[in-house]
Amino acid sequence: MTSSSERIKGTLLLSRLKFLRGKGEATLERVIATLPEQDQRQLRGMILPSSWYPLELLRGLEGAMVAALSYGSRTELFLEMGRATATANLTGTGSQRVYVRPGDPHFLLRHSPYIYASSHTSGSRSYESTGEHSAVLRTTRPEVRREDCLTTLGWLRRAIEIAGGRDVRVVETRCGSEGAPHCEYRCEWRPGVTAAATNLSGG
């Protein structure tokens, strides 16, 4: 499936729009105004979390954000967008908050293949536990951009923090954009205070 036919869930678009809105309504409007008229109408209309939208709409919005926002680098921007997506969807009234079990990052990561599948019409993600406080995730997609990997890195780091991990470290050790058969993310963290206390008490 090519990017022109791939579709993504509205949750991803809504998280990007929320990220922009956090920088002010004027910034949001300035970014949207640079897009083609059809995309402007769609983004200014009702975006439903459970509906499917063209991947190109998301990528066009991200490209407009790169051009309009002042960041030290593209890397910094896409990492922050990934973190913002995790915060939007995994906390508060976020649609994916059911996958968060406080003090148990493995519970969230174990469900990350389902989270991915619920938001994309192509590709897949796998999870492997490598220790009490470590795991490896692998994402396979027909087309990979480096920006996709950066948002995933940001998402994983923030998601593990939300689930209670401390001193989170996520490193991409293989990348599909560089010719690898999949993108591989090695995750490590220290347990949060609650989880550590529970372990010490034998609970």
N, C-alpha and C. Protein backbone atom coordinates (compact mmCIF):
# COMPACT_ATOMS: atom_id res chain seq x y z
N MET A 1 0.85 -1.19 0.00
CA MET A 1 0.00 0.00 0.00
C MET A 1 0.88 1.24 0.00
N THR A 2 0.66 2.15 -0.91
CA THR A 2 1.45 3.37 -1.00
C THR A 2 0.88 4.44 -0.10
N SER A 3 1.67 5.49 0.14
CA SER A 3 1.22 6.55 1.02
C SER A 3 -0.04 7.22 0.49
N SER A 4 -0.24 7.22 -0.86
CA SER A 4 -1.41 7.87 -1.44
C SER A 4 -2.70 7.15 -1.09
N SER A 5 -2.61 5.84 -0.77
CA SER A 5 -3.81 5.08 -0.42
C SER A 5 -3.88 4.74 1.06
N GLU A 6 -2.79 4.92 1.78
CA GLU A 6 -2.79 4.63 3.21
C GLU A 6 -3.64 5.66 3.96
N ARG A 7 -4.31 5.19 5.00
CA ARG A 7 -5.16 6.08 5.79
C ARG A 7 -4.80 5.96 7.26
N ILE A 8 -5.07 7.02 7.99
CA ILE A 8 -4.77 7.07 9.42
C ILE A 8 -6.02 7.52 10.18
N LYS A 9 -6.08 7.18 11.45
CA LYS A 9 -7.23 7.55 12.26
C LYS A 9 -7.19 9.04 12.62
N GLY A 10 -8.37 9.58 12.86
CA GLY A 10 -8.49 10.99 13.21
C GLY A 10 -7.75 11.36 14.48
N THR A 11 -7.48 10.38 15.35
CA THR A 11 -6.75 10.68 16.59
C THR A 11 -5.40 11.31 16.31
N LEU A 12 -4.74 10.89 15.23
CA LEU A 12 -3.43 11.45 14.90
C LEU A 12 -3.55 12.89 14.43
N LEU A 13 -4.53 13.17 13.61
CA LEU A 13 -4.76 14.55 13.17
C LEU A 13 -5.13 15.44 14.35
N LEU A 14 -6.01 14.95 15.21
CA LEU A 14 -6.46 15.74 16.34
C LEU A 14 -5.30 16.06 17.29
N SER A 15 -4.39 15.11 17.46
CA SER A 15 -3.25 15.37 18.35
C SER A 15 -2.34 16.43 17.77
N ARG A 16 -2.17 16.45 16.43
CA ARG A 16 -1.34 17.49 15.80
C ARG A 16 -2.02 18.85 15.93
N LEU A 17 -3.33 18.88 15.74
CA LEU A 17 -4.07 20.15 15.85
C LEU A 17 -4.06 20.66 17.29
N LYS A 18 -4.14 19.76 18.24
CA LYS A 18 -4.07 20.16 19.65
C LYS A 18 -2.69 20.72 19.97
N PHE A 19 -1.66 20.08 19.42
CA PHE A 19 -0.29 20.55 19.58
C PHE A 19 -0.15 21.99 19.07
N LEU A 20 -0.71 22.23 17.89
CA LEU A 20 -0.67 23.58 17.31
C LEU A 20 -1.49 24.57 18.12
N ARG A 21 -2.68 24.15 18.54
CA ARG A 21 -3.55 25.05 19.29
C ARG A 21 -2.89 25.47 20.60
N GLY A 22 -2.06 24.61 21.15
CA GLY A 22 -1.34 24.95 22.36
C GLY A 22 -0.35 26.08 22.17
N LYS A 23 -0.02 26.37 20.93
CA LYS A 23 0.88 27.47 20.62
C LYS A 23 0.13 28.74 20.24
N GLY A 24 -1.21 28.65 20.33
CA GLY A 24 -2.04 29.82 20.07
C GLY A 24 -2.91 29.64 18.84
N GLU A 25 -4.12 30.17 18.89
CA GLU A 25 -5.04 30.06 17.76
C GLU A 25 -4.48 30.71 16.51
N ALA A 26 -3.74 31.81 16.70
CA ALA A 26 -3.16 32.50 15.54
C ALA A 26 -2.15 31.61 14.82
N THR A 27 -1.37 30.87 15.60
CA THR A 27 -0.39 29.94 15.01
C THR A 27 -1.10 28.82 14.28
N LEU A 28 -2.15 28.29 14.88
CA LEU A 28 -2.93 27.23 14.24
C LEU A 28 -3.47 27.70 12.90
N GLU A 29 -4.08 28.88 12.86
CA GLU A 29 -4.65 29.40 11.63
C GLU A 29 -3.57 29.70 10.60
N ARG A 30 -2.44 30.19 11.07
CA ARG A 30 -1.35 30.52 10.14
C ARG A 30 -0.83 29.28 9.43
N VAL A 31 -0.73 28.19 10.17
CA VAL A 31 -0.25 26.93 9.58
C VAL A 31 -1.28 26.37 8.60
N ILE A 32 -2.54 26.30 9.02
CA ILE A 32 -3.58 25.73 8.16
C ILE A 32 -3.74 26.55 6.89
N ALA A 33 -3.58 27.87 6.99
CA ALA A 33 -3.77 28.75 5.82
C ALA A 33 -2.76 28.49 4.70
N THR A 34 -1.66 27.81 5.01
CA THR A 34 -0.65 27.52 3.98
C THR A 34 -0.98 26.26 3.17
N LEU A 35 -2.00 25.52 3.59
CA LEU A 35 -2.34 24.25 2.95
C LEU A 35 -3.29 24.46 1.78
N PRO A 36 -3.40 23.47 0.89
CA PRO A 36 -4.39 23.55 -0.19
C PRO A 36 -5.79 23.76 0.37
N GLU A 37 -6.63 24.40 -0.40
CA GLU A 37 -7.97 24.77 0.07
C GLU A 37 -8.77 23.57 0.57
N GLN A 38 -8.68 22.46 -0.15
CA GLN A 38 -9.43 21.27 0.25
C GLN A 38 -8.97 20.77 1.63
N ASP A 39 -7.66 20.80 1.87
CA ASP A 39 -7.13 20.37 3.16
C ASP A 39 -7.56 21.35 4.26
N GLN A 40 -7.57 22.63 3.94
CA GLN A 40 -8.02 23.63 4.91
C GLN A 40 -9.45 23.37 5.35
N ARG A 41 -10.30 23.09 4.39
CA ARG A 41 -11.71 22.84 4.72
C ARG A 41 -11.85 21.61 5.62
N GLN A 42 -11.08 20.58 5.31
CA GLN A 42 -11.19 19.35 6.09
C GLN A 42 -10.67 19.56 7.52
N LEU A 43 -9.56 20.26 7.65
CA LEU A 43 -8.98 20.45 8.98
C LEU A 43 -9.76 21.45 9.82
N ARG A 44 -10.48 22.36 9.17
CA ARG A 44 -11.32 23.31 9.91
C ARG A 44 -12.69 22.73 10.23
N GLY A 45 -13.00 21.61 9.60
CA GLY A 45 -14.29 20.96 9.86
C GLY A 45 -14.20 20.03 11.05
N MET A 46 -15.12 19.10 11.14
CA MET A 46 -15.15 18.16 12.27
C MET A 46 -14.26 16.96 11.96
N ILE A 47 -13.22 16.77 12.77
CA ILE A 47 -12.35 15.61 12.66
C ILE A 47 -12.79 14.62 13.74
N LEU A 48 -13.19 13.44 13.32
CA LEU A 48 -13.67 12.42 14.26
C LEU A 48 -12.54 11.46 14.63
N PRO A 49 -12.32 11.22 15.91
CA PRO A 49 -11.22 10.34 16.33
C PRO A 49 -11.26 8.96 15.69
N SER A 50 -12.45 8.42 15.48
CA SER A 50 -12.59 7.05 15.00
C SER A 50 -12.70 6.94 13.48
N SER A 51 -12.68 8.06 12.77
CA SER A 51 -12.80 8.03 11.31
C SER A 51 -11.41 7.95 10.67
N TRP A 52 -11.40 7.47 9.41
CA TRP A 52 -10.14 7.33 8.68
C TRP A 52 -9.95 8.52 7.74
N TYR A 53 -8.69 8.97 7.63
CA TYR A 53 -8.34 10.11 6.78
C TYR A 53 -7.09 9.77 5.98
N PRO A 54 -6.88 10.44 4.84
CA PRO A 54 -5.69 10.16 4.02
C PRO A 54 -4.41 10.48 4.78
N LEU A 55 -3.44 9.60 4.67
CA LEU A 55 -2.13 9.85 5.27
C LEU A 55 -1.55 11.16 4.76
N GLU A 56 -1.80 11.47 3.48
CA GLU A 56 -1.24 12.68 2.89
C GLU A 56 -1.76 13.94 3.57
N LEU A 57 -2.94 13.89 4.15
CA LEU A 57 -3.46 15.05 4.89
C LEU A 57 -2.61 15.29 6.12
N LEU A 58 -2.25 14.23 6.84
CA LEU A 58 -1.39 14.34 8.01
C LEU A 58 0.00 14.83 7.62
N ARG A 59 0.53 14.27 6.57
CA ARG A 59 1.89 14.67 6.15
C ARG A 59 1.93 16.11 5.64
N GLY A 60 0.86 16.52 4.98
CA GLY A 60 0.81 17.91 4.54
C GLY A 60 0.77 18.86 5.71
N LEU A 61 0.00 18.51 6.74
CA LEU A 61 -0.07 19.33 7.95
C LEU A 61 1.29 19.38 8.64
N GLU A 62 1.94 18.24 8.75
CA GLU A 62 3.26 18.21 9.39
C GLU A 62 4.27 19.05 8.62
N GLY A 63 4.22 18.97 7.29
CA GLY A 63 5.13 19.77 6.48
C GLY A 63 4.91 21.26 6.68
N ALA A 64 3.64 21.66 6.80
CA ALA A 64 3.31 23.06 7.04
C ALA A 64 3.81 23.50 8.41
N MET A 65 3.76 22.61 9.37
CA MET A 65 4.25 22.92 10.71
C MET A 65 5.76 23.13 10.70
N VAL A 66 6.47 22.30 9.96
CA VAL A 66 7.93 22.45 9.86
C VAL A 66 8.28 23.82 9.30
N ALA A 67 7.53 24.24 8.27
CA ALA A 67 7.83 25.52 7.61
C ALA A 67 7.45 26.73 8.47
N ALA A 68 6.42 26.57 9.32
CA ALA A 68 5.88 27.73 10.04
C ALA A 68 6.42 27.89 11.46
N LEU A 69 6.80 26.80 12.10
CA LEU A 69 7.20 26.87 13.51
C LEU A 69 8.71 27.05 13.64
N SER A 70 9.10 27.78 14.64
CA SER A 70 10.53 28.05 14.87
C SER A 70 11.08 27.02 15.86
N TYR A 71 11.82 26.05 15.33
CA TYR A 71 12.46 25.04 16.15
C TYR A 71 13.93 24.96 15.77
N GLY A 72 14.74 24.50 16.71
CA GLY A 72 16.16 24.40 16.43
C GLY A 72 16.46 23.42 15.31
N SER A 73 15.62 22.38 15.19
CA SER A 73 15.82 21.38 14.15
C SER A 73 14.51 20.64 13.90
N ARG A 74 14.43 19.95 12.76
CA ARG A 74 13.27 19.11 12.46
C ARG A 74 13.16 18.00 13.50
N THR A 75 14.34 17.49 13.93
CA THR A 75 14.35 16.42 14.92
C THR A 75 13.63 16.85 16.18
N GLU A 76 13.94 18.02 16.68
CA GLU A 76 13.31 18.54 17.90
C GLU A 76 11.80 18.66 17.73
N LEU A 77 11.36 19.16 16.59
CA LEU A 77 9.93 19.33 16.35
C LEU A 77 9.20 18.00 16.32
N PHE A 78 9.72 17.03 15.58
CA PHE A 78 9.00 15.76 15.45
C PHE A 78 9.04 14.95 16.75
N LEU A 79 10.12 15.05 17.51
CA LEU A 79 10.14 14.41 18.82
C LEU A 79 9.06 15.00 19.72
N GLU A 80 8.92 16.33 19.69
CA GLU A 80 7.91 16.97 20.52
C GLU A 80 6.50 16.61 20.05
N MET A 81 6.30 16.50 18.74
CA MET A 81 4.98 16.09 18.24
C MET A 81 4.64 14.68 18.71
N GLY A 82 5.63 13.79 18.73
CA GLY A 82 5.39 12.44 19.23
C GLY A 82 5.00 12.44 20.69
N ARG A 83 5.70 13.24 21.49
CA ARG A 83 5.38 13.35 22.91
C ARG A 83 3.96 13.91 23.10
N ALA A 84 3.64 14.93 22.31
CA ALA A 84 2.33 15.55 22.42
C ALA A 84 1.22 14.57 22.05
N THR A 85 1.47 13.72 21.06
CA THR A 85 0.47 12.72 20.66
C THR A 85 0.22 11.73 21.79
N ALA A 86 1.29 11.28 22.45
CA ALA A 86 1.12 10.36 23.57
C ALA A 86 0.32 11.02 24.69
N THR A 87 0.65 12.27 25.01
CA THR A 87 -0.06 12.97 26.07
C THR A 87 -1.53 13.14 25.73
N ALA A 88 -1.82 13.51 24.48
CA ALA A 88 -3.20 13.75 24.07
C ALA A 88 -4.04 12.48 24.11
N ASN A 89 -3.46 11.36 23.70
CA ASN A 89 -4.25 10.13 23.54
C ASN A 89 -4.21 9.18 24.73
N LEU A 90 -3.21 9.36 25.63
CA LEU A 90 -3.05 8.41 26.73
C LEU A 90 -3.42 9.00 28.09
N THR A 91 -3.72 10.28 28.15
CA THR A 91 -4.08 10.90 29.42
C THR A 91 -5.46 11.56 29.33
N GLY A 92 -5.97 11.97 30.49
CA GLY A 92 -7.26 12.68 30.51
C GLY A 92 -8.37 11.87 29.87
N THR A 93 -9.00 12.46 28.87
CA THR A 93 -10.08 11.78 28.15
C THR A 93 -9.59 11.17 26.84
N GLY A 94 -8.29 11.01 26.71
CA GLY A 94 -7.70 10.45 25.49
C GLY A 94 -8.28 9.09 25.13
N SER A 95 -8.41 8.84 23.85
CA SER A 95 -9.08 7.62 23.38
C SER A 95 -8.29 6.34 23.67
N GLN A 96 -6.99 6.45 23.98
CA GLN A 96 -6.17 5.26 24.23
C GLN A 96 -5.77 5.11 25.69
N ARG A 97 -6.41 5.85 26.59
CA ARG A 97 -6.04 5.82 28.01
C ARG A 97 -6.29 4.45 28.64
N VAL A 98 -7.14 3.62 28.02
CA VAL A 98 -7.42 2.29 28.58
C VAL A 98 -6.18 1.40 28.55
N TYR A 99 -5.18 1.78 27.76
CA TYR A 99 -3.96 0.98 27.67
C TYR A 99 -2.93 1.37 28.73
N VAL A 100 -3.26 2.33 29.58
CA VAL A 100 -2.34 2.77 30.62
C VAL A 100 -2.72 2.13 31.95
N ARG A 101 -1.78 1.39 32.52
CA ARG A 101 -1.94 0.83 33.86
C ARG A 101 -0.81 1.43 34.69
N PRO A 102 -1.12 2.36 35.61
CA PRO A 102 -0.08 3.07 36.36
C PRO A 102 0.95 2.12 36.98
N GLY A 103 2.22 2.42 36.78
CA GLY A 103 3.29 1.61 37.33
C GLY A 103 3.63 0.39 36.50
N ASP A 104 3.04 0.25 35.31
CA ASP A 104 3.27 -0.95 34.48
C ASP A 104 3.48 -0.58 33.02
N PRO A 105 4.65 -0.04 32.67
CA PRO A 105 4.91 0.30 31.26
C PRO A 105 4.79 -0.89 30.33
N HIS A 106 5.10 -2.11 30.82
CA HIS A 106 4.99 -3.28 29.95
C HIS A 106 3.56 -3.49 29.47
N PHE A 107 2.59 -3.18 30.32
CA PHE A 107 1.19 -3.34 29.91
C PHE A 107 0.89 -2.47 28.70
N LEU A 108 1.35 -1.23 28.74
CA LEU A 108 1.16 -0.31 27.61
C LEU A 108 1.91 -0.79 26.37
N LEU A 109 3.18 -1.13 26.54
CA LEU A 109 3.98 -1.54 25.39
C LEU A 109 3.47 -2.84 24.79
N ARG A 110 2.97 -3.73 25.63
CA ARG A 110 2.42 -5.00 25.13
C ARG A 110 1.21 -4.75 24.23
N HIS A 111 0.50 -3.65 24.50
CA HIS A 111 -0.66 -3.31 23.68
C HIS A 111 -0.33 -2.35 22.54
N SER A 112 0.92 -1.94 22.43
CA SER A 112 1.27 -0.98 21.38
C SER A 112 1.02 -1.52 19.97
N PRO A 113 1.14 -2.84 19.71
CA PRO A 113 0.76 -3.33 18.37
C PRO A 113 -0.71 -3.05 18.05
N TYR A 114 -1.59 -3.15 19.05
CA TYR A 114 -3.01 -2.86 18.83
C TYR A 114 -3.24 -1.36 18.64
N ILE A 115 -2.49 -0.55 19.41
CA ILE A 115 -2.60 0.89 19.26
C ILE A 115 -2.20 1.30 17.85
N TYR A 116 -1.10 0.72 17.37
CA TYR A 116 -0.65 1.03 16.01
C TYR A 116 -1.68 0.60 14.98
N ALA A 117 -2.15 -0.63 15.10
CA ALA A 117 -3.11 -1.15 14.11
C ALA A 117 -4.41 -0.37 14.11
N SER A 118 -4.78 0.20 15.27
CA SER A 118 -6.03 0.94 15.33
C SER A 118 -5.92 2.31 14.69
N SER A 119 -4.69 2.74 14.36
CA SER A 119 -4.48 4.09 13.81
C SER A 119 -3.95 4.10 12.38
N HIS A 120 -3.57 2.93 11.84
CA HIS A 120 -2.97 2.86 10.51
C HIS A 120 -3.60 1.72 9.71
N THR A 121 -3.69 1.91 8.41
CA THR A 121 -4.22 0.84 7.55
C THR A 121 -3.12 0.00 6.92
N SER A 122 -1.87 0.34 7.17
CA SER A 122 -0.78 -0.49 6.65
C SER A 122 0.33 -0.56 7.69
N GLY A 123 1.14 -1.60 7.57
CA GLY A 123 2.24 -1.78 8.50
C GLY A 123 1.80 -2.51 9.76
N SER A 124 2.78 -2.81 10.62
CA SER A 124 2.49 -3.52 11.87
C SER A 124 3.59 -3.22 12.88
N ARG A 125 3.30 -3.52 14.12
CA ARG A 125 4.27 -3.31 15.19
C ARG A 125 4.28 -4.54 16.08
N SER A 126 5.45 -4.93 16.56
CA SER A 126 5.57 -6.07 17.47
C SER A 126 6.23 -5.63 18.77
N TYR A 127 5.99 -6.42 19.82
CA TYR A 127 6.53 -6.12 21.15
C TYR A 127 7.26 -7.34 21.68
N GLU A 128 8.41 -7.11 22.31
CA GLU A 128 9.16 -8.19 22.94
C GLU A 128 9.70 -7.68 24.28
N SER A 129 9.35 -8.37 25.36
CA SER A 129 9.90 -8.03 26.67
C SER A 129 11.33 -8.57 26.75
N THR A 130 12.26 -7.72 27.15
CA THR A 130 13.67 -8.14 27.26
C THR A 130 14.17 -8.07 28.69
N GLY A 131 13.29 -7.74 29.62
CA GLY A 131 13.67 -7.64 31.02
C GLY A 131 12.56 -7.01 31.81
N GLU A 132 12.74 -6.93 33.13
CA GLU A 132 11.70 -6.37 33.98
C GLU A 132 11.40 -4.92 33.63
N HIS A 133 12.43 -4.20 33.18
CA HIS A 133 12.27 -2.79 32.85
C HIS A 133 12.84 -2.47 31.46
N SER A 134 12.62 -3.37 30.53
CA SER A 134 13.12 -3.13 29.17
C SER A 134 12.28 -3.92 28.17
N ALA A 135 12.26 -3.42 26.94
CA ALA A 135 11.50 -4.07 25.88
C ALA A 135 12.03 -3.61 24.53
N VAL A 136 11.70 -4.37 23.50
CA VAL A 136 12.05 -4.00 22.13
C VAL A 136 10.76 -3.97 21.32
N LEU A 137 10.56 -2.90 20.58
CA LEU A 137 9.43 -2.80 19.66
C LEU A 137 9.96 -2.69 18.25
N ARG A 138 9.27 -3.32 17.32
CA ARG A 138 9.67 -3.28 15.91
C ARG A 138 8.47 -2.88 15.06
N THR A 139 8.69 -1.93 14.19
CA THR A 139 7.63 -1.45 13.30
C THR A 139 8.01 -1.73 11.86
N THR A 140 7.11 -2.35 11.13
CA THR A 140 7.32 -2.64 9.71
C THR A 140 6.29 -1.85 8.90
N ARG A 141 6.78 -1.08 7.94
CA ARG A 141 5.90 -0.29 7.09
C ARG A 141 6.39 -0.36 5.65
N PRO A 142 5.49 -0.24 4.68
CA PRO A 142 5.92 -0.28 3.28
C PRO A 142 6.73 0.94 2.87
N GLU A 143 6.52 2.05 3.56
CA GLU A 143 7.25 3.29 3.26
C GLU A 143 7.58 3.97 4.58
N VAL A 144 8.85 4.30 4.79
CA VAL A 144 9.27 4.88 6.06
C VAL A 144 9.98 6.20 5.82
N ARG A 145 9.55 7.24 6.54
CA ARG A 145 10.27 8.51 6.56
C ARG A 145 10.98 8.64 7.91
N ARG A 146 12.09 9.33 7.92
CA ARG A 146 12.81 9.54 9.17
C ARG A 146 11.92 10.26 10.18
N GLU A 147 11.06 11.16 9.69
CA GLU A 147 10.15 11.89 10.58
C GLU A 147 9.20 10.94 11.32
N ASP A 148 8.78 9.85 10.66
CA ASP A 148 7.92 8.87 11.31
C ASP A 148 8.63 8.24 12.51
N CYS A 149 9.93 7.96 12.32
CA CYS A 149 10.72 7.35 13.39
C CYS A 149 10.87 8.31 14.56
N LEU A 150 11.06 9.58 14.27
CA LEU A 150 11.23 10.57 15.33
C LEU A 150 9.95 10.72 16.16
N THR A 151 8.79 10.76 15.50
CA THR A 151 7.55 10.86 16.26
C THR A 151 7.34 9.60 17.10
N THR A 152 7.74 8.44 16.58
CA THR A 152 7.63 7.20 17.35
C THR A 152 8.53 7.25 18.58
N LEU A 153 9.76 7.74 18.41
CA LEU A 153 10.67 7.88 19.55
C LEU A 153 10.07 8.79 20.62
N GLY A 154 9.55 9.93 20.19
CA GLY A 154 8.93 10.86 21.14
C GLY A 154 7.73 10.23 21.82
N TRP A 155 6.92 9.51 21.04
CA TRP A 155 5.72 8.86 21.59
C TRP A 155 6.11 7.81 22.63
N LEU A 156 7.07 6.96 22.31
CA LEU A 156 7.46 5.89 23.23
C LEU A 156 8.01 6.45 24.53
N ARG A 157 8.87 7.45 24.43
CA ARG A 157 9.46 8.03 25.65
C ARG A 157 8.38 8.60 26.55
N ARG A 158 7.46 9.36 25.97
CA ARG A 158 6.40 9.97 26.78
C ARG A 158 5.42 8.92 27.27
N ALA A 159 5.10 7.93 26.44
CA ALA A 159 4.15 6.89 26.84
C ALA A 159 4.66 6.12 28.05
N ILE A 160 5.94 5.77 28.04
CA ILE A 160 6.51 5.03 29.17
C ILE A 160 6.50 5.90 30.43
N GLU A 161 6.76 7.19 30.28
CA GLU A 161 6.68 8.11 31.42
C GLU A 161 5.26 8.14 31.98
N ILE A 162 4.27 8.24 31.09
CA ILE A 162 2.87 8.29 31.52
C ILE A 162 2.50 7.01 32.28
N ALA A 163 3.06 5.88 31.86
CA ALA A 163 2.77 4.60 32.51
C ALA A 163 3.57 4.41 33.79
N GLY A 164 4.42 5.37 34.14
CA GLY A 164 5.12 5.31 35.43
C GLY A 164 6.61 5.06 35.36
N GLY A 165 7.18 4.95 34.17
CA GLY A 165 8.61 4.74 34.06
C GLY A 165 9.39 6.02 34.32
N ARG A 166 10.58 5.88 34.91
CA ARG A 166 11.46 7.02 35.15
C ARG A 166 12.77 6.81 34.40
N ASP A 167 13.48 7.92 34.16
CA ASP A 167 14.77 7.86 33.46
C ASP A 167 14.64 7.02 32.18
N VAL A 168 13.63 7.33 31.42
CA VAL A 168 13.31 6.55 30.22
C VAL A 168 14.37 6.76 29.14
N ARG A 169 14.76 5.67 28.52
CA ARG A 169 15.72 5.73 27.42
C ARG A 169 15.17 4.88 26.27
N VAL A 170 14.96 5.50 25.12
CA VAL A 170 14.51 4.79 23.92
C VAL A 170 15.46 5.12 22.79
N VAL A 171 16.01 4.09 22.16
CA VAL A 171 16.98 4.26 21.09
C VAL A 171 16.54 3.46 19.87
N GLU A 172 16.58 4.08 18.72
CA GLU A 172 16.29 3.34 17.48
C GLU A 172 17.57 2.70 16.99
N THR A 173 17.61 1.37 16.98
CA THR A 173 18.83 0.65 16.62
C THR A 173 18.83 0.16 15.17
N ARG A 174 17.68 0.12 14.54
CA ARG A 174 17.57 -0.20 13.12
C ARG A 174 16.49 0.69 12.54
N CYS A 175 16.65 1.11 11.28
CA CYS A 175 15.70 2.05 10.71
C CYS A 175 15.33 1.67 9.29
N GLY A 176 14.04 1.60 9.03
CA GLY A 176 13.56 1.27 7.70
C GLY A 176 13.92 2.32 6.67
N SER A 177 14.08 3.58 7.10
CA SER A 177 14.44 4.64 6.16
C SER A 177 15.87 4.50 5.67
N GLU A 178 16.65 3.64 6.34
CA GLU A 178 18.04 3.41 5.96
C GLU A 178 18.22 2.03 5.34
N GLY A 179 17.11 1.37 4.99
CA GLY A 179 17.18 0.10 4.30
C GLY A 179 16.96 -1.14 5.15
N ALA A 180 16.80 -0.98 6.47
CA ALA A 180 16.54 -2.13 7.33
C ALA A 180 15.13 -2.67 7.07
N PRO A 181 14.89 -3.96 7.33
CA PRO A 181 13.56 -4.53 7.08
C PRO A 181 12.49 -3.99 8.02
N HIS A 182 12.91 -3.38 9.12
CA HIS A 182 11.97 -2.79 10.06
C HIS A 182 12.70 -1.75 10.91
N CYS A 183 11.92 -0.96 11.64
CA CYS A 183 12.49 -0.01 12.59
C CYS A 183 12.45 -0.68 13.96
N GLU A 184 13.56 -0.63 14.67
CA GLU A 184 13.66 -1.30 15.96
C GLU A 184 13.96 -0.29 17.05
N TYR A 185 13.14 -0.33 18.11
CA TYR A 185 13.27 0.62 19.22
C TYR A 185 13.53 -0.15 20.51
N ARG A 186 14.67 0.12 21.12
CA ARG A 186 15.02 -0.51 22.39
C ARG A 186 14.68 0.44 23.53
N CYS A 187 13.84 -0.02 24.43
CA CYS A 187 13.31 0.82 25.51
C CYS A 187 13.82 0.32 26.87
N GLU A 188 14.26 1.26 27.70
CA GLU A 188 14.68 0.95 29.06
C GLU A 188 14.15 2.03 29.99
N TRP A 189 13.86 1.66 31.23
CA TRP A 189 13.38 2.65 32.20
C TRP A 189 13.60 2.12 33.61
N ARG A 190 13.52 3.02 34.56
CA ARG A 190 13.52 2.65 35.97
C ARG A 190 12.08 2.68 36.46
N PRO A 191 11.75 1.84 37.45
CA PRO A 191 10.37 1.83 37.94
C PRO A 191 10.04 3.12 38.67
N GLY A 192 8.78 3.52 38.60
CA GLY A 192 8.32 4.69 39.34
C GLY A 192 8.29 4.39 40.82
N VAL A 193 8.07 5.41 41.62
CA VAL A 193 8.07 5.26 43.08
C VAL A 193 7.01 4.24 43.53
N THR A 194 5.81 4.34 42.98
CA THR A 194 4.72 3.43 43.38
C THR A 194 5.07 1.99 43.07
N ALA A 195 5.58 1.76 41.83
CA ALA A 195 5.92 0.39 41.43
C ALA A 195 7.05 -0.16 42.29
N ALA A 196 8.06 0.66 42.58
CA ALA A 196 9.20 0.20 43.39
C ALA A 196 8.74 -0.15 44.79
N ALA A 197 7.86 0.68 45.36
CA ALA A 197 7.35 0.41 46.71
C ALA A 197 6.56 -0.89 46.74
N THR A 198 5.77 -1.11 45.69
CA THR A 198 4.98 -2.36 45.63
C THR A 198 5.88 -3.57 45.56
N ASN A 199 6.94 -3.50 44.76
CA ASN A 199 7.88 -4.62 44.63
C ASN A 199 8.56 -4.90 45.96
N LEU A 200 8.97 -3.85 46.67
CA LEU A 200 9.66 -4.04 47.94
C LEU A 200 8.75 -4.65 48.99
N SER A 201 7.47 -4.34 48.92
CA SER A 201 6.54 -4.87 49.91
C SER A 201 6.06 -6.27 49.57
N GLY A 202 6.45 -6.73 48.36
CA GLY A 202 6.05 -8.07 47.95
C GLY A 202 4.65 -8.14 47.40
N GLY A 203 4.04 -6.93 47.12
CA GLY A 203 2.68 -6.88 46.60
C GLY A 203 2.61 -7.22 45.14
